[in-house]
Amino acid sequence: MLTLTALLRFVLKMPDDIVFGRILPALGLMMFLSTLYYAWLAWRLAAKTGRNDVCALPSGVSVPHMFIVTFVIMLPVMLKTNDPIKGWEAGLVWVFFQSFILMIGGFVAPYIRRITPRGALLGTLAGVSITFISMRPALEMYMTPQIGLVCFAIILASWFGGIRYPKGIPAGLVAIAVGMLIAWGSNLFGLGLGGVSMQKVGEAFANFGFSVPLPAVGHVFSGFEFLGVILVTAIPFGIYDLVEAMDNVESAEAAGDHYPRSTSATRAGSRWAAASAIRRRPASW
């Protein structure tokens, strides 16, 4: 979400009233509704099987799409028209068409999975995970190593060293607390690690507010003038998203959670269509 906000504000030069008043509220609504639906699917599966270790399917912002839509679709349109709103409208049309591809693909996904080896499906999921979920944060850890390496050591000590922290406190929570302590404590010595300060906290609260996500139907249809450029990437990446959805369902099934294939993929497409019509690209594990 922080990366998405930075792309919108500093790369696309989008007004804050659009970013914080329209796009991020829609992102919050999408996360709430999709997580609620996937939690209901998990509860239904647990009730059906009598198990208490069912894991819900994940939901979130798709990192690859976030960069692709920004730099391949929205930025060129914004530079050509010198209007960030036009870039936003082009992005809305992109996800509008891609979501239909996903919903249609939800019905053919079960047949594709039958003829595709599990290793091929899970291999792509592992590749995305290593690249975007593992390697990028690993790089960022060394940007402030005084904090990153200490927190990393705390987690490794728990996961692989068998160390249990007082009162069963999770290692992740301990790492966050220690990282905050180092960052704020460094201000006492003028080091400024992590870039935290009371001034920035005050500025953040000065802009505190609440916004209701509003549909952007008019903006969607305004972006149809860029349809030719949009379809070149919307169709192949719609197929990519379909494969990604199949990967998620296959991963859950490999762990013993058998979710309905067409329902999961189709509902994911519906979720993307509803939420993306207001913001950027939701999505994947």
Protein backbone atom coordinates (compact mmCIF):
# COMPACT_ATOMS: atom_id res chain seq x y z
CA MET A 1 0.00 0.00 0.00
CA LEU A 2 2.89 2.36 0.76
CA THR A 3 4.49 1.55 -2.59
CA LEU A 4 1.18 2.02 -4.38
CA THR A 5 0.69 5.40 -2.72
CA ALA A 6 4.19 6.51 -3.70
CA LEU A 7 3.64 5.45 -7.34
CA LEU A 8 0.39 7.38 -7.51
CA ARG A 9 1.68 10.56 -5.88
CA PHE A 10 5.25 10.85 -7.15
CA VAL A 11 5.32 8.95 -10.46
CA LEU A 12 1.85 9.72 -11.80
CA LYS A 13 1.58 13.08 -9.96
CA MET A 14 -2.00 12.24 -9.02
CA PRO A 15 -3.86 14.72 -6.77
CA ASP A 16 -4.10 13.77 -3.11
CA ASP A 17 -7.89 14.03 -3.16
CA ILE A 18 -7.96 11.20 -5.72
CA VAL A 19 -5.30 9.09 -4.00
CA PHE A 20 -6.59 9.41 -0.44
CA GLY A 21 -10.21 10.22 -1.21
CA ARG A 22 -10.97 7.67 -3.92
CA ILE A 23 -8.29 5.03 -4.58
CA LEU A 24 -7.08 4.04 -1.09
CA PRO A 25 -10.62 3.93 0.38
CA ALA A 26 -11.59 1.58 -2.45
CA LEU A 27 -8.53 -0.53 -1.68
CA GLY A 28 -9.66 -0.79 1.94
CA LEU A 29 -13.17 -1.80 0.89
CA MET A 30 -11.80 -4.40 -1.53
CA MET A 31 -9.59 -5.91 1.18
CA PHE A 32 -12.49 -6.08 3.61
CA LEU A 33 -15.00 -7.65 1.21
CA SER A 34 -12.60 -10.14 -0.38
CA THR A 35 -11.17 -11.23 2.96
CA LEU A 36 -14.67 -11.62 4.36
CA TYR A 37 -15.69 -13.81 1.41
CA TYR A 38 -12.59 -15.99 1.59
CA ALA A 39 -13.02 -16.33 5.35
CA TRP A 40 -16.59 -17.53 4.74
CA LEU A 41 -15.31 -20.09 2.21
CA ALA A 42 -12.80 -21.36 4.79
CA TRP A 43 -15.45 -21.53 7.51
CA ARG A 44 -17.74 -23.48 5.20
CA LEU A 45 -14.94 -25.91 4.34
CA ALA A 46 -14.08 -26.37 8.03
CA ALA A 47 -17.74 -27.06 8.87
CA LYS A 48 -18.02 -29.54 6.01
CA THR A 49 -14.85 -31.48 6.87
CA GLY A 50 -14.92 -31.11 10.66
CA ARG A 51 -11.36 -29.73 10.66
CA ASN A 52 -10.03 -26.84 12.74
CA ASP A 53 -6.86 -26.14 10.74
CA VAL A 54 -8.33 -24.77 7.50
CA CYS A 55 -6.50 -21.76 6.04
CA ALA A 56 -8.39 -19.14 4.05
CA LEU A 57 -7.26 -18.10 0.58
CA PRO A 58 -5.23 -14.87 0.61
CA SER A 59 -6.24 -11.53 -0.85
CA GLY A 60 -4.26 -8.39 -1.49
CA VAL A 61 -2.62 -6.06 -3.98
CA SER A 62 -0.80 -7.70 -6.90
CA VAL A 63 2.73 -6.29 -6.90
CA PRO A 64 3.60 -7.14 -10.56
CA HIS A 65 0.39 -5.56 -11.85
CA MET A 66 0.90 -2.49 -9.72
CA PHE A 67 4.11 -1.67 -11.58
CA ILE A 68 2.90 -2.83 -14.99
CA VAL A 69 -0.26 -0.73 -14.99
CA THR A 70 1.66 2.26 -13.66
CA PHE A 71 4.58 2.27 -16.10
CA VAL A 72 3.07 0.57 -19.17
CA ILE A 73 -0.44 2.06 -19.20
CA MET A 74 -0.96 5.02 -16.89
CA LEU A 75 2.39 6.82 -17.12
CA PRO A 76 2.57 6.93 -20.96
CA VAL A 77 -1.00 8.25 -21.14
CA MET A 78 -0.27 10.81 -18.43
CA LEU A 79 2.86 12.02 -20.24
CA LYS A 80 1.05 12.21 -23.58
CA THR A 81 -1.92 14.16 -22.25
CA ASN A 82 -0.13 15.91 -19.38
CA ASP A 83 -3.14 14.94 -17.25
CA PRO A 84 -2.80 12.38 -14.41
CA ILE A 85 -6.59 11.91 -14.36
CA LYS A 86 -6.44 10.66 -17.97
CA GLY A 87 -3.79 8.18 -16.86
CA TRP A 88 -6.06 7.01 -14.05
CA GLU A 89 -8.95 6.59 -16.46
CA ALA A 90 -6.78 4.47 -18.76
CA GLY A 91 -5.87 2.26 -15.79
CA LEU A 92 -9.54 1.87 -14.88
CA VAL A 93 -10.41 0.67 -18.38
CA TRP A 94 -7.46 -1.73 -18.25
CA VAL A 95 -8.71 -3.50 -15.14
CA PHE A 96 -12.32 -3.27 -16.37
CA PHE A 97 -11.52 -5.46 -19.37
CA GLN A 98 -9.08 -7.69 -17.53
CA SER A 99 -11.68 -8.50 -14.89
CA PHE A 100 -14.07 -9.82 -17.52
CA ILE A 101 -11.33 -12.10 -18.81
CA LEU A 102 -10.87 -13.39 -15.26
CA MET A 103 -14.56 -14.05 -14.71
CA ILE A 104 -14.87 -15.92 -18.00
CA GLY A 105 -11.68 -17.82 -17.28
CA GLY A 106 -13.06 -18.97 -13.95
CA PHE A 107 -15.29 -21.42 -15.80
CA VAL A 108 -12.46 -22.97 -17.85
CA ALA A 109 -9.89 -23.01 -15.03
CA PRO A 110 -10.91 -26.49 -13.73
CA TYR A 111 -10.28 -28.02 -17.16
CA ILE A 112 -6.89 -26.34 -17.45
CA ARG A 113 -5.86 -27.61 -14.03
CA ARG A 114 -6.72 -31.18 -14.98
CA ILE A 115 -4.17 -31.22 -17.80
CA THR A 116 -1.48 -29.14 -16.06
CA PRO A 117 1.05 -30.79 -13.69
CA ARG A 118 0.94 -29.50 -10.15
CA GLY A 119 4.65 -28.72 -10.26
CA ALA A 120 4.12 -26.34 -13.17
CA LEU A 121 1.42 -24.43 -11.31
CA LEU A 122 3.24 -24.23 -7.99
CA GLY A 123 6.57 -23.42 -9.68
CA THR A 124 5.25 -20.11 -11.02
CA LEU A 125 3.80 -19.27 -7.61
CA ALA A 126 7.16 -19.96 -5.98
CA GLY A 127 8.93 -17.78 -8.54
CA VAL A 128 6.70 -14.79 -7.85
CA SER A 129 7.03 -15.35 -4.10
CA ILE A 130 10.83 -15.50 -4.17
CA THR A 131 11.14 -12.45 -6.40
CA PHE A 132 8.59 -10.03 -4.96
CA ILE A 133 7.81 -11.32 -1.47
CA SER A 134 11.30 -12.44 -0.45
CA MET A 135 14.09 -10.80 -2.45
CA ARG A 136 12.76 -7.25 -2.50
CA PRO A 137 12.25 -7.04 1.30
CA ALA A 138 15.66 -8.70 1.74
CA LEU A 139 17.21 -5.84 -0.24
CA GLU A 140 15.31 -3.24 1.79
CA MET A 141 16.55 -4.89 5.00
CA TYR A 142 20.09 -3.78 4.12
CA MET A 143 19.03 -0.20 3.43
CA THR A 144 18.92 0.29 7.22
CA PRO A 145 20.94 -2.72 8.43
CA GLN A 146 21.13 -1.52 12.04
CA ILE A 147 17.38 -2.17 12.25
CA GLY A 148 16.84 -4.75 9.52
CA LEU A 149 19.51 -7.26 10.56
CA VAL A 150 18.59 -7.11 14.25
CA CYS A 151 14.91 -7.75 13.49
CA PHE A 152 15.86 -10.51 11.03
CA ALA A 153 17.99 -12.19 13.70
CA ILE A 154 15.08 -12.10 16.16
CA ILE A 155 12.84 -13.90 13.67
CA LEU A 156 15.50 -16.47 12.69
CA ALA A 157 16.18 -17.23 16.36
CA SER A 158 12.51 -18.08 16.84
CA TRP A 159 11.84 -19.93 13.60
CA PHE A 160 15.05 -21.96 13.36
CA GLY A 161 16.66 -21.60 16.79
CA GLY A 162 13.69 -22.77 18.81
CA ILE A 163 13.77 -19.69 21.05
CA ARG A 164 10.41 -18.82 22.63
CA TYR A 165 9.84 -15.24 23.73
CA PRO A 166 8.20 -14.35 27.09
CA LYS A 167 4.52 -15.23 27.46
CA GLY A 168 4.43 -16.69 23.94
CA ILE A 169 4.76 -13.31 22.22
CA PRO A 170 5.14 -13.90 18.45
CA ALA A 171 8.61 -13.31 17.01
CA GLY A 172 7.21 -10.88 14.45
CA LEU A 173 5.76 -8.67 17.18
CA VAL A 174 9.03 -8.75 19.11
CA ALA A 175 10.93 -7.77 15.95
CA ILE A 176 8.59 -4.84 15.28
CA ALA A 177 8.89 -3.61 18.87
CA VAL A 178 12.70 -3.85 18.86
CA GLY A 179 12.88 -2.15 15.46
CA MET A 180 10.75 0.74 16.70
CA LEU A 181 12.88 1.01 19.85
CA ILE A 182 16.11 1.21 17.80
CA ALA A 183 14.63 3.74 15.35
CA TRP A 184 13.25 6.09 18.00
CA GLY A 185 16.22 5.59 20.31
CA SER A 186 18.64 6.54 17.53
CA ASN A 187 17.15 10.05 17.55
CA LEU A 188 18.66 10.58 20.99
CA PHE A 189 22.12 10.25 19.40
CA GLY A 190 21.25 12.22 16.26
CA LEU A 191 21.46 9.17 13.99
CA GLY A 192 17.90 9.30 12.68
CA LEU A 193 17.73 5.62 11.72
CA GLY A 194 14.53 4.72 9.89
CA GLY A 195 13.65 8.36 9.30
CA VAL A 196 11.14 8.58 12.18
CA SER A 197 10.49 11.81 14.04
CA MET A 198 7.76 13.47 16.08
CA GLN A 199 7.44 16.11 13.35
CA LYS A 200 6.49 13.47 10.78
CA VAL A 201 4.05 11.87 13.19
CA GLY A 202 2.42 15.26 13.71
CA GLU A 203 2.20 15.85 9.96
CA ALA A 204 0.58 12.45 9.49
CA PHE A 205 -2.12 13.15 12.09
CA ALA A 206 -2.70 16.62 10.63
CA ASN A 207 -3.96 14.93 7.46
CA PHE A 208 -6.04 12.31 9.27
CA GLY A 209 -9.49 11.82 7.79
CA PHE A 210 -12.15 9.43 6.55
CA SER A 211 -13.29 8.98 2.97
CA VAL A 212 -16.04 6.82 1.50
CA PRO A 213 -15.09 4.89 -1.68
CA LEU A 214 -17.18 6.22 -4.55
CA PRO A 215 -17.76 4.44 -7.89
CA ALA A 216 -15.82 5.86 -10.82
CA VAL A 217 -18.18 4.78 -13.60
CA GLY A 218 -17.86 8.06 -15.49
CA HIS A 219 -14.06 7.87 -15.41
CA VAL A 220 -14.13 4.28 -16.68
CA PHE A 221 -16.05 5.20 -19.82
CA SER A 222 -13.91 8.30 -20.33
CA GLY A 223 -10.86 6.06 -20.63
CA PHE A 224 -12.23 4.12 -23.61
CA GLU A 225 -10.40 6.50 -25.95
CA PHE A 226 -7.21 4.62 -25.08
CA LEU A 227 -8.76 1.20 -25.74
CA GLY A 228 -6.38 0.21 -28.53
CA VAL A 229 -3.30 0.58 -26.36
CA ILE A 230 -4.98 -0.99 -23.35
CA LEU A 231 -6.14 -4.24 -24.96
CA VAL A 232 -2.59 -5.07 -26.07
CA THR A 233 -1.66 -5.76 -22.45
CA ALA A 234 -5.05 -6.32 -20.77
CA ILE A 235 -5.75 -9.60 -22.55
CA PRO A 236 -2.39 -11.36 -21.91
CA PHE A 237 -2.25 -10.17 -18.32
CA GLY A 238 -5.84 -11.28 -17.80
CA ILE A 239 -4.69 -14.76 -18.79
CA TYR A 240 -1.71 -14.40 -16.47
CA ASP A 241 -4.05 -13.46 -13.61
CA LEU A 242 -6.18 -16.52 -14.34
CA VAL A 243 -3.12 -18.73 -14.02
CA GLU A 244 -2.21 -16.92 -10.80
CA ALA A 245 -5.66 -17.61 -9.37
CA MET A 246 -5.32 -21.28 -10.32
CA ASP A 247 -1.92 -21.35 -8.62
CA ASN A 248 -3.46 -20.10 -5.37
CA VAL A 249 -6.24 -22.70 -5.40
CA GLU A 250 -3.74 -25.44 -6.32
CA SER A 251 -1.44 -24.38 -3.48
CA ALA A 252 -4.32 -24.58 -1.00
CA GLU A 253 -5.30 -28.00 -2.32
CA ALA A 254 -1.72 -29.26 -2.00
CA ALA A 255 -1.94 -28.32 1.70
CA GLY A 256 -5.25 -30.18 2.08
CA ASP A 257 -7.75 -27.32 1.66
CA HIS A 258 -9.99 -28.20 -1.29
CA TYR A 259 -11.78 -25.05 -2.40
CA PRO A 260 -14.33 -24.97 -5.25
CA ARG A 261 -12.26 -24.14 -8.30
CA SER A 262 -14.65 -22.20 -10.46
CA THR A 263 -16.21 -20.37 -7.50
CA SER A 264 -12.89 -19.21 -6.10
CA ALA A 265 -11.54 -18.02 -9.43
CA THR A 266 -14.80 -16.46 -10.58
CA ARG A 267 -15.46 -14.68 -7.30
CA ALA A 268 -11.89 -13.43 -7.33
CA GLY A 269 -12.57 -11.98 -10.76
CA SER A 270 -15.76 -10.36 -9.51
CA ARG A 271 -13.88 -8.87 -6.59
CA TRP A 272 -11.24 -7.47 -8.94
CA ALA A 273 -13.88 -6.03 -11.25
CA ALA A 274 -15.70 -4.27 -8.43
CA ALA A 275 -12.67 -2.89 -6.62
CA SER A 276 -10.42 -2.18 -9.57
CA ALA A 277 -13.06 -0.04 -11.20
CA ILE A 278 -12.13 2.50 -8.55
CA ARG A 279 -8.39 1.96 -7.98
CA ARG A 280 -5.49 -0.04 -9.30
CA ARG A 281 -4.96 -3.80 -9.46
CA PRO A 282 -5.94 -6.04 -6.59
CA ALA A 283 -4.82 -9.43 -5.97
CA SER A 284 -2.69 -12.35 -5.41
CA TRP A 285 -0.66 -14.44 -3.05
